[in-house]
Amino acid sequence: MLSARTVPVTTPVTTFEVVIMEIRVLEYFLAVAREESISHAAESLHLTQPTLSRQLKDLEEELGKTLFTRGKKITLTDDGILLRKRAEEIVDLVHKTKKEVKQNDDIIAGDIYIGAGETRGMKLIFEAAKKMQETYPDVRFHISSGDATDCTDRLIKGLDDFTLFMGSVDDIRFESIEIPFYDQWGVLIRQDDPLAKKTSVKAKDLKNRKLIMSRRIKSGSQVADWFGKFFTSLDIIGTYNLSYNASLMAEQGMGVVLSLDGLIFTSDETPLAFRPLEPKLSMKMSFAWKKDTVLSPAAEKFLEIVNKVII
């Protein structure tokens, strides 16, 4: 059984302390949130409905919050939505830790969790993963995609073992190695856009265009420096964290999408075209893990193989 402790959690609506119960209770809560029905959740958990209802009532009383809106379908309140997010993180981390503790040090097996943004640089990581599975077939890989903000959060919380970041890692909380792969920046545009007739795109070409950018592009970034004096006056009409939806915005003619090459397939037959920036703007990669953390035997071995692949 896990001992209880309190963790302060802030929402835009209210501030309260969530008491971390036994993992079992959090799993009950997540089952009801997933099934949207106490009876269906009870069935999936092999519990009686009264037992599950009592557990949920005790949880709400201990937190001093209403977590569900009861009706034909069970829905989460704002406080319930917040608890679900925290509960998923807690349960995932505890299950991951249990597997690592139980794992025999002499046997390389188990799960490796990797976070990454959208980049073709993951090919090198998957090359290492393939080599590892050839030698250690009982190792499983789990990939979560997101931008730098999402991936940093998961790495700090211990939900991921490694993260492939675009750019250098200057966060003192992480160790990292540089990956010999570079992504090139450019624009995604419709085939009928005048920019599609060019072989490359300059900053002045985008000065008066509606732009859609990655949400991580800020003042002082490589991209901002590439735009120079134009950056502060750009007409940025939208941001994104993953490229596919941004490409749909470009297809609709909403704006020019600033993107990395190779994330969206383009050709003369596709609705969109990709044109590189001029002067060329590339981003290197860094493979990072949390400093002073104890990696599982499988994660340690994988890091060894990554180092061999990138040499």
C-alpha atoms as a PDB file:
ATOM      1  CA  MET A   1       0.000   0.000   0.000  1.00  0.00           C
ATOM      2  CA  LEU A   2       1.246   3.476  -0.764  1.00  0.00           C
ATOM      3  CA  SER A   3       1.389   5.913   2.110  1.00  0.00           C
ATOM      4  CA  ALA A   4      -0.720   9.029   1.597  1.00  0.00           C
ATOM      5  CA  ARG A   5       0.772  12.449   1.065  1.00  0.00           C
ATOM      6  CA  THR A   6      -0.630  15.720  -0.168  1.00  0.00           C
ATOM      7  CA  VAL A   7       0.223  17.463  -3.409  1.00  0.00           C
ATOM      8  CA  PRO A   8      -0.912  21.058  -4.043  1.00  0.00           C
ATOM      9  CA  VAL A   9      -2.772  21.414  -7.342  1.00  0.00           C
ATOM     10  CA  THR A  10      -3.914  24.694  -8.865  1.00  0.00           C
ATOM     11  CA  THR A  11      -6.747  25.165 -11.350  1.00  0.00           C
ATOM     12  CA  PRO A  12      -8.074  28.356 -12.955  1.00  0.00           C
ATOM     13  CA  VAL A  13     -11.231  27.892 -10.862  1.00  0.00           C
ATOM     14  CA  THR A  14      -9.990  26.859  -7.431  1.00  0.00           C
ATOM     15  CA  THR A  15      -7.029  25.634  -5.412  1.00  0.00           C
ATOM     16  CA  PHE A  16      -7.149  22.469  -3.337  1.00  0.00           C
ATOM     17  CA  GLU A  17      -4.948  19.649  -2.165  1.00  0.00           C
ATOM     18  CA  VAL A  18      -5.354  16.264  -3.794  1.00  0.00           C
ATOM     19  CA  VAL A  19      -4.671  13.390  -1.412  1.00  0.00           C
ATOM     20  CA  ILE A  20      -2.978  10.541  -3.236  1.00  0.00           C
ATOM     21  CA  MET A  21      -4.943   7.469  -2.148  1.00  0.00           C
ATOM     22  CA  GLU A  22      -4.046   3.890  -2.710  1.00  0.00           C
ATOM     23  CA  ILE A  23      -3.484   3.314  -6.403  1.00  0.00           C
ATOM     24  CA  ARG A  24      -6.449   0.969  -6.299  1.00  0.00           C
ATOM     25  CA  VAL A  25      -8.829   3.844  -5.532  1.00  0.00           C
ATOM     26  CA  LEU A  26      -7.394   5.980  -8.324  1.00  0.00           C
ATOM     27  CA  GLU A  27      -7.864   3.070 -10.721  1.00  0.00           C
ATOM     28  CA  TYR A  28     -11.510   2.804  -9.626  1.00  0.00           C
ATOM     29  CA  PHE A  29     -11.955   6.515 -10.317  1.00  0.00           C
ATOM     30  CA  LEU A  30     -10.316   6.220 -13.763  1.00  0.00           C
ATOM     31  CA  ALA A  31     -12.498   3.238 -14.663  1.00  0.00           C
ATOM     32  CA  VAL A  32     -15.677   5.217 -13.954  1.00  0.00           C
ATOM     33  CA  ALA A  33     -14.353   8.211 -15.885  1.00  0.00           C
ATOM     34  CA  ARG A  34     -13.563   5.929 -18.828  1.00  0.00           C
ATOM     35  CA  GLU A  35     -16.813   3.930 -18.820  1.00  0.00           C
ATOM     36  CA  GLU A  36     -19.041   6.923 -17.947  1.00  0.00           C
ATOM     37  CA  SER A  37     -21.095   4.439 -15.945  1.00  0.00           C
ATOM     38  CA  ILE A  38     -20.717   3.058 -12.428  1.00  0.00           C
ATOM     39  CA  SER A  39     -22.346  -0.240 -13.359  1.00  0.00           C
ATOM     40  CA  HIS A  40     -20.103  -0.777 -16.402  1.00  0.00           C
ATOM     41  CA  ALA A  41     -17.017   0.245 -14.424  1.00  0.00           C
ATOM     42  CA  ALA A  42     -17.947  -2.120 -11.589  1.00  0.00           C
ATOM     43  CA  GLU A  43     -18.302  -4.951 -14.083  1.00  0.00           C
ATOM     44  CA  SER A  44     -14.896  -4.257 -15.643  1.00  0.00           C
ATOM     45  CA  LEU A  45     -13.303  -4.094 -12.183  1.00  0.00           C
ATOM     46  CA  HIS A  46     -15.107  -7.233 -10.957  1.00  0.00           C
ATOM     47  CA  LEU A  47     -16.688  -5.270  -8.100  1.00  0.00           C
ATOM     48  CA  THR A  48     -20.258  -4.907  -6.925  1.00  0.00           C
ATOM     49  CA  GLN A  49     -21.879  -1.599  -7.806  1.00  0.00           C
ATOM     50  CA  PRO A  50     -22.507  -0.629  -4.133  1.00  0.00           C
ATOM     51  CA  THR A  51     -18.836  -1.244  -3.299  1.00  0.00           C
ATOM     52  CA  LEU A  52     -17.641   0.973  -6.140  1.00  0.00           C
ATOM     53  CA  SER A  53     -20.205   3.692  -5.335  1.00  0.00           C
ATOM     54  CA  ARG A  54     -19.027   3.735  -1.722  1.00  0.00           C
ATOM     55  CA  GLN A  55     -15.384   4.063  -2.779  1.00  0.00           C
ATOM     56  CA  LEU A  56     -16.218   7.020  -5.017  1.00  0.00           C
ATOM     57  CA  LYS A  57     -18.252   8.689  -2.293  1.00  0.00           C
ATOM     58  CA  ASP A  58     -15.374   8.262   0.185  1.00  0.00           C
ATOM     59  CA  LEU A  59     -12.984   9.746  -2.390  1.00  0.00           C
ATOM     60  CA  GLU A  60     -15.176  12.830  -2.895  1.00  0.00           C
ATOM     61  CA  GLU A  61     -15.610  13.284   0.855  1.00  0.00           C
ATOM     62  CA  GLU A  62     -11.881  13.061   1.517  1.00  0.00           C
ATOM     63  CA  LEU A  63     -11.125  15.585  -1.216  1.00  0.00           C
ATOM     64  CA  GLY A  64     -14.051  17.790  -0.315  1.00  0.00           C
ATOM     65  CA  LYS A  65     -14.940  18.023  -4.000  1.00  0.00           C
ATOM     66  CA  THR A  66     -17.664  16.737  -6.297  1.00  0.00           C
ATOM     67  CA  LEU A  67     -15.914  14.742  -8.996  1.00  0.00           C
ATOM     68  CA  PHE A  68     -18.891  13.449 -10.994  1.00  0.00           C
ATOM     69  CA  THR A  69     -22.186  14.722 -12.318  1.00  0.00           C
ATOM     70  CA  ARG A  70     -24.623  11.850 -11.949  1.00  0.00           C
ATOM     71  CA  GLY A  71     -27.258  11.186 -14.594  1.00  0.00           C
ATOM     72  CA  LYS A  72     -27.960   8.731 -17.387  1.00  0.00           C
ATOM     73  CA  LYS A  73     -24.284   9.127 -18.150  1.00  0.00           C
ATOM     74  CA  ILE A  74     -21.607   9.859 -15.561  1.00  0.00           C
ATOM     75  CA  THR A  75     -19.584  12.958 -16.499  1.00  0.00           C
ATOM     76  CA  LEU A  76     -16.645  14.599 -14.776  1.00  0.00           C
ATOM     77  CA  THR A  77     -16.820  17.999 -13.117  1.00  0.00           C
ATOM     78  CA  ASP A  78     -13.923  20.450 -13.601  1.00  0.00           C
ATOM     79  CA  ASP A  79     -12.339  19.065 -10.435  1.00  0.00           C
ATOM     80  CA  GLY A  80     -12.882  15.533 -11.726  1.00  0.00           C
ATOM     81  CA  ILE A  81     -11.152  16.384 -15.009  1.00  0.00           C
ATOM     82  CA  LEU A  82      -8.138  17.710 -13.106  1.00  0.00           C
ATOM     83  CA  LEU A  83      -7.976  14.625 -10.882  1.00  0.00           C
ATOM     84  CA  ARG A  84      -8.209  12.341 -13.923  1.00  0.00           C
ATOM     85  CA  LYS A  85      -5.115  13.956 -15.447  1.00  0.00           C
ATOM     86  CA  ARG A  86      -3.149  13.629 -12.207  1.00  0.00           C
ATOM     87  CA  ALA A  87      -4.459  10.113 -11.533  1.00  0.00           C
ATOM     88  CA  GLU A  88      -3.399   8.892 -14.991  1.00  0.00           C
ATOM     89  CA  GLU A  89       0.124  10.219 -14.404  1.00  0.00           C
ATOM     90  CA  ILE A  90       0.332   8.679 -10.923  1.00  0.00           C
ATOM     91  CA  VAL A  91      -0.990   5.271 -11.965  1.00  0.00           C
ATOM     92  CA  ASP A  92       1.267   5.121 -15.034  1.00  0.00           C
ATOM     93  CA  LEU A  93       4.323   6.040 -12.969  1.00  0.00           C
ATOM     94  CA  VAL A  94       3.566   3.505 -10.217  1.00  0.00           C
ATOM     95  CA  HIS A  95       3.013   0.683 -12.720  1.00  0.00           C
ATOM     96  CA  LYS A  96       6.235   1.604 -14.515  1.00  0.00           C
ATOM     97  CA  THR A  97       8.138   1.634 -11.224  1.00  0.00           C
ATOM     98  CA  LYS A  98       6.724  -1.729 -10.132  1.00  0.00           C
ATOM     99  CA  LYS A  99       7.900  -3.336 -13.372  1.00  0.00           C
ATOM    100  CA  GLU A 100      11.382  -1.896 -12.961  1.00  0.00           C
ATOM    101  CA  VAL A 101      11.703  -3.011  -9.327  1.00  0.00           C
ATOM    102  CA  LYS A 102      10.505  -6.547 -10.085  1.00  0.00           C
ATOM    103  CA  GLN A 103      12.802  -6.905 -13.072  1.00  0.00           C
ATOM    104  CA  ASN A 104      15.733  -9.291 -12.633  1.00  0.00           C
ATOM    105  CA  ASP A 105      18.995  -7.391 -13.085  1.00  0.00           C
ATOM    106  CA  ASP A 106      20.429 -10.307 -15.047  1.00  0.00           C
ATOM    107  CA  ILE A 107      17.624 -10.234 -17.617  1.00  0.00           C
ATOM    108  CA  ILE A 108      17.244  -7.324 -20.028  1.00  0.00           C
ATOM    109  CA  ALA A 109      13.488  -7.015 -20.456  1.00  0.00           C
ATOM    110  CA  GLY A 110      10.662  -4.626 -19.774  1.00  0.00           C
ATOM    111  CA  ASP A 111       9.452  -1.283 -21.082  1.00  0.00           C
ATOM    112  CA  ILE A 112      11.275   1.755 -22.395  1.00  0.00           C
ATOM    113  CA  TYR A 113       9.372   5.034 -22.692  1.00  0.00           C
ATOM    114  CA  ILE A 114      10.495   7.687 -25.170  1.00  0.00           C
ATOM    115  CA  GLY A 115       9.043  11.127 -25.767  1.00  0.00           C
ATOM    116  CA  ALA A 116       9.680  13.032 -28.983  1.00  0.00           C
ATOM    117  CA  GLY A 117       8.540  15.844 -31.159  1.00  0.00           C
ATOM    118  CA  GLU A 118       7.744  15.276 -34.802  1.00  0.00           C
ATOM    119  CA  THR A 119      11.099  14.724 -36.478  1.00  0.00           C
ATOM    120  CA  ARG A 120      12.716  12.354 -38.943  1.00  0.00           C
ATOM    121  CA  GLY A 121      15.563  12.167 -36.447  1.00  0.00           C
ATOM    122  CA  MET A 122      13.567   9.438 -34.699  1.00  0.00           C
ATOM    123  CA  LYS A 123      14.819   7.122 -37.481  1.00  0.00           C
ATOM    124  CA  LEU A 124      18.138   6.865 -35.652  1.00  0.00           C
ATOM    125  CA  ILE A 125      16.376   6.108 -32.366  1.00  0.00           C
ATOM    126  CA  PHE A 126      14.269   3.429 -34.031  1.00  0.00           C
ATOM    127  CA  GLU A 127      17.408   1.987 -35.633  1.00  0.00           C
ATOM    128  CA  ALA A 128      18.786   1.572 -32.117  1.00  0.00           C
ATOM    129  CA  ALA A 129      15.453   0.145 -30.937  1.00  0.00           C
ATOM    130  CA  LYS A 130      15.500  -2.440 -33.731  1.00  0.00           C
ATOM    131  CA  LYS A 131      19.050  -3.507 -32.802  1.00  0.00           C
ATOM    132  CA  MET A 132      18.037  -3.842 -29.167  1.00  0.00           C
ATOM    133  CA  GLN A 133      14.978  -5.957 -29.894  1.00  0.00           C
ATOM    134  CA  GLU A 134      17.055  -8.278 -32.050  1.00  0.00           C
ATOM    135  CA  THR A 135      19.222  -9.039 -29.019  1.00  0.00           C
ATOM    136  CA  TYR A 136      16.642  -8.519 -26.260  1.00  0.00           C
ATOM    137  CA  PRO A 137      13.235  -9.526 -27.683  1.00  0.00           C
ATOM    138  CA  ASP A 138      11.449  -9.024 -24.351  1.00  0.00           C
ATOM    139  CA  VAL A 139      11.986  -5.255 -24.436  1.00  0.00           C
ATOM    140  CA  ARG A 140       8.992  -3.138 -25.461  1.00  0.00           C
ATOM    141  CA  PHE A 141       9.094   0.473 -26.643  1.00  0.00           C
ATOM    142  CA  HIS A 142       6.415   3.088 -25.948  1.00  0.00           C
ATOM    143  CA  ILE A 143       6.498   6.387 -27.848  1.00  0.00           C
ATOM    144  CA  SER A 144       4.614   9.533 -26.848  1.00  0.00           C
ATOM    145  CA  SER A 145       4.554  12.464 -29.260  1.00  0.00           C
ATOM    146  CA  GLY A 146       4.344  16.119 -28.337  1.00  0.00           C
ATOM    147  CA  ASP A 147       6.197  19.387 -28.494  1.00  0.00           C
ATOM    148  CA  ALA A 148       9.076  20.393 -26.225  1.00  0.00           C
ATOM    149  CA  THR A 149       6.720  21.516 -23.464  1.00  0.00           C
ATOM    150  CA  ASP A 150       4.824  18.213 -23.382  1.00  0.00           C
ATOM    151  CA  CYS A 151       7.971  16.093 -23.561  1.00  0.00           C
ATOM    152  CA  THR A 152       9.829  18.074 -20.897  1.00  0.00           C
ATOM    153  CA  ASP A 153       6.902  17.674 -18.520  1.00  0.00           C
ATOM    154  CA  ARG A 154       6.794  13.900 -19.002  1.00  0.00           C
ATOM    155  CA  LEU A 155      10.563  13.529 -18.615  1.00  0.00           C
ATOM    156  CA  ILE A 156      10.626  15.556 -15.389  1.00  0.00           C
ATOM    157  CA  LYS A 157       7.780  13.515 -13.918  1.00  0.00           C
ATOM    158  CA  GLY A 158       9.520  10.260 -14.759  1.00  0.00           C
ATOM    159  CA  LEU A 159       6.806   9.125 -17.175  1.00  0.00           C
ATOM    160  CA  ASP A 160       9.384   8.834 -19.965  1.00  0.00           C
ATOM    161  CA  ASP A 161      12.916   7.457 -19.739  1.00  0.00           C
ATOM    162  CA  PHE A 162      14.253   9.497 -22.652  1.00  0.00           C
ATOM    163  CA  THR A 163      13.240  12.386 -24.886  1.00  0.00           C
ATOM    164  CA  LEU A 164      14.478  13.381 -28.322  1.00  0.00           C
ATOM    165  CA  PHE A 165      14.594  17.181 -28.322  1.00  0.00           C
ATOM    166  CA  MET A 166      15.128  19.414 -31.310  1.00  0.00           C
ATOM    167  CA  GLY A 167      18.020  21.743 -30.620  1.00  0.00           C
ATOM    168  CA  SER A 168      20.528  21.740 -27.774  1.00  0.00           C
ATOM    169  CA  VAL A 169      19.521  20.860 -24.211  1.00  0.00           C
ATOM    170  CA  ASP A 170      20.588  23.544 -21.745  1.00  0.00           C
ATOM    171  CA  ASP A 171      18.273  22.428 -18.936  1.00  0.00           C
ATOM    172  CA  ILE A 172      20.417  21.556 -15.898  1.00  0.00           C
ATOM    173  CA  ARG A 173      17.915  18.856 -14.908  1.00  0.00           C
ATOM    174  CA  PHE A 174      18.888  16.710 -17.915  1.00  0.00           C
ATOM    175  CA  GLU A 175      21.843  14.822 -19.336  1.00  0.00           C
ATOM    176  CA  SER A 176      22.001  14.573 -23.129  1.00  0.00           C
ATOM    177  CA  ILE A 177      23.933  13.434 -26.147  1.00  0.00           C
ATOM    178  CA  GLU A 178      23.856  15.092 -29.552  1.00  0.00           C
ATOM    179  CA  ILE A 179      22.250  13.184 -32.423  1.00  0.00           C
ATOM    180  CA  PRO A 180      23.958  13.603 -35.834  1.00  0.00           C
ATOM    181  CA  PHE A 181      20.776  14.509 -37.671  1.00  0.00           C
ATOM    182  CA  TYR A 182      19.437  17.882 -38.765  1.00  0.00           C
ATOM    183  CA  ASP A 183      15.897  18.909 -39.646  1.00  0.00           C
ATOM    184  CA  GLN A 184      15.392  21.725 -42.125  1.00  0.00           C
ATOM    185  CA  TRP A 185      12.833  24.483 -41.691  1.00  0.00           C
ATOM    186  CA  GLY A 186      10.576  25.586 -44.528  1.00  0.00           C
ATOM    187  CA  VAL A 187       6.955  26.397 -45.329  1.00  0.00           C
ATOM    188  CA  LEU A 188       3.945  24.272 -46.200  1.00  0.00           C
ATOM    189  CA  ILE A 189       1.798  26.007 -48.799  1.00  0.00           C
ATOM    190  CA  ARG A 190      -0.925  25.169 -51.283  1.00  0.00           C
ATOM    191  CA  GLN A 191       0.190  24.237 -54.777  1.00  0.00           C
ATOM    192  CA  ASP A 192      -1.630  27.310 -56.142  1.00  0.00           C
ATOM    193  CA  ASP A 193       0.162  29.683 -53.744  1.00  0.00           C
ATOM    194  CA  PRO A 194       2.608  32.045 -55.494  1.00  0.00           C
ATOM    195  CA  LEU A 195       5.344  30.875 -53.091  1.00  0.00           C
ATOM    196  CA  ALA A 196       5.083  27.378 -54.620  1.00  0.00           C
ATOM    197  CA  LYS A 197       6.691  28.756 -57.784  1.00  0.00           C
ATOM    198  CA  LYS A 198       9.854  29.568 -55.819  1.00  0.00           C
ATOM    199  CA  THR A 199      12.625  27.091 -55.001  1.00  0.00           C
ATOM    200  CA  SER A 200      13.119  28.654 -51.558  1.00  0.00           C
ATOM    201  CA  VAL A 201      11.478  31.272 -49.359  1.00  0.00           C
ATOM    202  CA  LYS A 202      13.077  34.351 -47.797  1.00  0.00           C
ATOM    203  CA  ALA A 203      11.946  36.298 -44.732  1.00  0.00           C
ATOM    204  CA  LYS A 204      10.698  39.196 -46.852  1.00  0.00           C
ATOM    205  CA  ASP A 205       8.428  36.777 -48.758  1.00  0.00           C
ATOM    206  CA  LEU A 206       6.535  36.081 -45.517  1.00  0.00           C
ATOM    207  CA  LYS A 207       6.401  39.653 -44.236  1.00  0.00           C
ATOM    208  CA  ASN A 208       2.782  40.264 -45.280  1.00  0.00           C
ATOM    209  CA  ARG A 209       1.477  36.704 -45.164  1.00  0.00           C
ATOM    210  CA  LYS A 210      -0.764  35.038 -42.589  1.00  0.00           C
ATOM    211  CA  LEU A 211       1.446  32.564 -40.741  1.00  0.00           C
ATOM    212  CA  ILE A 212       0.798  29.413 -38.704  1.00  0.00           C
ATOM    213  CA  MET A 213       3.701  28.499 -36.433  1.00  0.00           C
ATOM    214  CA  SER A 214       4.723  25.917 -33.892  1.00  0.00           C
ATOM    215  CA  ARG A 215       3.712  27.137 -30.456  1.00  0.00           C
ATOM    216  CA  ARG A 216       7.296  26.715 -29.216  1.00  0.00           C
ATOM    217  CA  ILE A 217       8.664  29.411 -31.547  1.00  0.00           C
ATOM    218  CA  LYS A 218       9.367  32.390 -29.316  1.00  0.00           C
ATOM    219  CA  SER A 219      11.379  35.570 -29.464  1.00  0.00           C
ATOM    220  CA  GLY A 220      15.057  34.656 -29.238  1.00  0.00           C
ATOM    221  CA  SER A 221      14.609  31.272 -30.919  1.00  0.00           C
ATOM    222  CA  GLN A 222      16.481  30.215 -34.060  1.00  0.00           C
ATOM    223  CA  VAL A 223      13.393  30.863 -36.162  1.00  0.00           C
ATOM    224  CA  ALA A 224      12.861  34.326 -34.662  1.00  0.00           C
ATOM    225  CA  ASP A 225      16.505  35.174 -35.353  1.00  0.00           C
ATOM    226  CA  TRP A 226      16.099  33.988 -38.962  1.00  0.00           C
ATOM    227  CA  PHE A 227      13.213  36.453 -39.462  1.00  0.00           C
ATOM    228  CA  GLY A 228      15.296  39.249 -37.952  1.00  0.00           C
ATOM    229  CA  LYS A 229      13.563  42.628 -37.843  1.00  0.00           C
ATOM    230  CA  PHE A 230      10.407  41.167 -39.421  1.00  0.00           C
ATOM    231  CA  PHE A 231       9.629  38.829 -36.483  1.00  0.00           C
ATOM    232  CA  THR A 232       7.834  41.316 -34.216  1.00  0.00           C
ATOM    233  CA  SER A 233       5.530  42.448 -37.041  1.00  0.00           C
ATOM    234  CA  LEU A 234       4.570  38.999 -38.386  1.00  0.00           C
ATOM    235  CA  ASP A 235       0.864  38.217 -38.792  1.00  0.00           C
ATOM    236  CA  ILE A 236       0.695  34.952 -36.813  1.00  0.00           C
ATOM    237  CA  ILE A 237      -2.927  33.804 -37.076  1.00  0.00           C
ATOM    238  CA  GLY A 238      -2.483  30.400 -35.417  1.00  0.00           C
ATOM    239  CA  THR A 239      -0.150  27.995 -33.646  1.00  0.00           C
ATOM    240  CA  TYR A 240       0.139  24.207 -33.476  1.00  0.00           C
ATOM    241  CA  ASN A 241       2.006  21.527 -31.551  1.00  0.00           C
ATOM    242  CA  LEU A 242       1.740  18.661 -34.073  1.00  0.00           C
ATOM    243  CA  SER A 243       2.060  19.122 -37.817  1.00  0.00           C
ATOM    244  CA  TYR A 244      -0.794  17.128 -39.332  1.00  0.00           C
ATOM    245  CA  ASN A 245      -3.568  19.450 -38.192  1.00  0.00           C
ATOM    246  CA  ALA A 246      -1.471  22.441 -39.231  1.00  0.00           C
ATOM    247  CA  SER A 247      -1.206  20.921 -42.713  1.00  0.00           C
ATOM    248  CA  LEU A 248      -5.009  20.793 -42.904  1.00  0.00           C
ATOM    249  CA  MET A 249      -5.110  24.488 -42.073  1.00  0.00           C
ATOM    250  CA  ALA A 250      -2.705  25.114 -44.938  1.00  0.00           C
ATOM    251  CA  GLU A 251      -4.877  23.035 -47.291  1.00  0.00           C
ATOM    252  CA  GLN A 252      -7.813  25.295 -46.453  1.00  0.00           C
ATOM    253  CA  GLY A 253      -5.718  28.328 -47.364  1.00  0.00           C
ATOM    254  CA  MET A 254      -5.820  29.712 -43.833  1.00  0.00           C
ATOM    255  CA  GLY A 255      -2.152  30.611 -43.911  1.00  0.00           C
ATOM    256  CA  VAL A 256       1.431  29.600 -44.567  1.00  0.00           C
ATOM    257  CA  VAL A 257       2.636  26.917 -42.145  1.00  0.00           C
ATOM    258  CA  LEU A 258       6.195  27.132 -40.903  1.00  0.00           C
ATOM    259  CA  SER A 259       7.255  23.494 -40.539  1.00  0.00           C
ATOM    260  CA  LEU A 260      10.129  21.049 -40.606  1.00  0.00           C
ATOM    261  CA  ASP A 261      10.790  19.135 -43.809  1.00  0.00           C
ATOM    262  CA  GLY A 262       9.585  15.557 -44.181  1.00  0.00           C
ATOM    263  CA  LEU A 263       6.800  15.615 -41.595  1.00  0.00           C
ATOM    264  CA  ILE A 264       4.080  15.975 -44.223  1.00  0.00           C
ATOM    265  CA  PHE A 265       4.454  14.147 -47.520  1.00  0.00           C
ATOM    266  CA  THR A 266       4.406  16.556 -50.450  1.00  0.00           C
ATOM    267  CA  SER A 267       4.817  16.130 -54.200  1.00  0.00           C
ATOM    268  CA  ASP A 268       3.483  17.667 -57.403  1.00  0.00           C
ATOM    269  CA  GLU A 269       0.366  15.510 -56.962  1.00  0.00           C
ATOM    270  CA  THR A 270      -0.409  16.454 -53.340  1.00  0.00           C
ATOM    271  CA  PRO A 271      -2.440  19.523 -52.288  1.00  0.00           C
ATOM    272  CA  LEU A 272       0.558  21.017 -50.499  1.00  0.00           C
ATOM    273  CA  ALA A 273       4.118  21.922 -51.410  1.00  0.00           C
ATOM    274  CA  PHE A 274       7.144  22.379 -49.158  1.00  0.00           C
ATOM    275  CA  ARG A 275       9.718  25.082 -49.805  1.00  0.00           C
ATOM    276  CA  PRO A 276      12.881  25.451 -47.661  1.00  0.00           C
ATOM    277  CA  LEU A 277      13.862  28.705 -46.029  1.00  0.00           C
ATOM    278  CA  GLU A 278      16.679  30.792 -47.490  1.00  0.00           C
ATOM    279  CA  PRO A 279      19.197  31.174 -45.977  1.00  0.00           C
ATOM    280  CA  LYS A 280      18.967  27.551 -44.864  1.00  0.00           C
ATOM    281  CA  LEU A 281      17.802  27.025 -41.274  1.00  0.00           C
ATOM    282  CA  SER A 282      18.427  23.636 -39.677  1.00  0.00           C
ATOM    283  CA  MET A 283      17.964  22.227 -36.189  1.00  0.00           C
ATOM    284  CA  LYS A 284      20.151  19.595 -34.566  1.00  0.00           C
ATOM    285  CA  MET A 285      18.837  16.944 -32.173  1.00  0.00           C
ATOM    286  CA  SER A 286      19.579  15.961 -28.588  1.00  0.00           C
ATOM    287  CA  PHE A 287      18.699  12.691 -26.839  1.00  0.00           C
ATOM    288  CA  ALA A 288      18.104  13.433 -23.163  1.00  0.00           C
ATOM    289  CA  TRP A 289      17.334  11.750 -19.866  1.00  0.00           C
ATOM    290  CA  LYS A 290      16.797  13.028 -16.344  1.00  0.00           C
ATOM    291  CA  LYS A 291      19.995  13.778 -14.438  1.00  0.00           C
ATOM    292  CA  ASP A 292      20.773  11.668 -11.346  1.00  0.00           C
ATOM    293  CA  THR A 293      17.967   9.251 -12.155  1.00  0.00           C
ATOM    294  CA  VAL A 294      18.411   5.485 -11.891  1.00  0.00           C
ATOM    295  CA  LEU A 295      17.651   4.001 -15.298  1.00  0.00           C
ATOM    296  CA  SER A 296      16.278   0.489 -15.538  1.00  0.00           C
ATOM    297  CA  PRO A 297      18.694  -2.181 -16.863  1.00  0.00           C
ATOM    298  CA  ALA A 298      16.793  -2.108 -20.169  1.00  0.00           C
ATOM    299  CA  ALA A 299      17.040   1.688 -20.420  1.00  0.00           C
ATOM    300  CA  GLU A 300      20.747   1.590 -19.554  1.00  0.00           C
ATOM    301  CA  LYS A 301      21.375  -0.975 -22.284  1.00  0.00           C
ATOM    302  CA  PHE A 302      19.344   1.048 -24.784  1.00  0.00           C
ATOM    303  CA  LEU A 303      21.414   4.144 -24.054  1.00  0.00           C
ATOM    304  CA  GLU A 304      24.550   2.120 -24.803  1.00  0.00           C
ATOM    305  CA  ILE A 305      23.111   1.041 -28.154  1.00  0.00           C
ATOM    306  CA  VAL A 306      22.026   4.593 -29.054  1.00  0.00           C
ATOM    307  CA  ASN A 307      25.575   5.776 -28.433  1.00  0.00           C
ATOM    308  CA  LYS A 308      26.932   3.087 -30.775  1.00  0.00           C
ATOM    309  CA  VAL A 309      24.393   3.913 -33.498  1.00  0.00           C
ATOM    310  CA  ILE A 310      25.158   7.630 -33.556  1.00  0.00           C
ATOM    311  CA  ILE A 311      28.954   7.244 -33.675  1.00  0.00           C
END
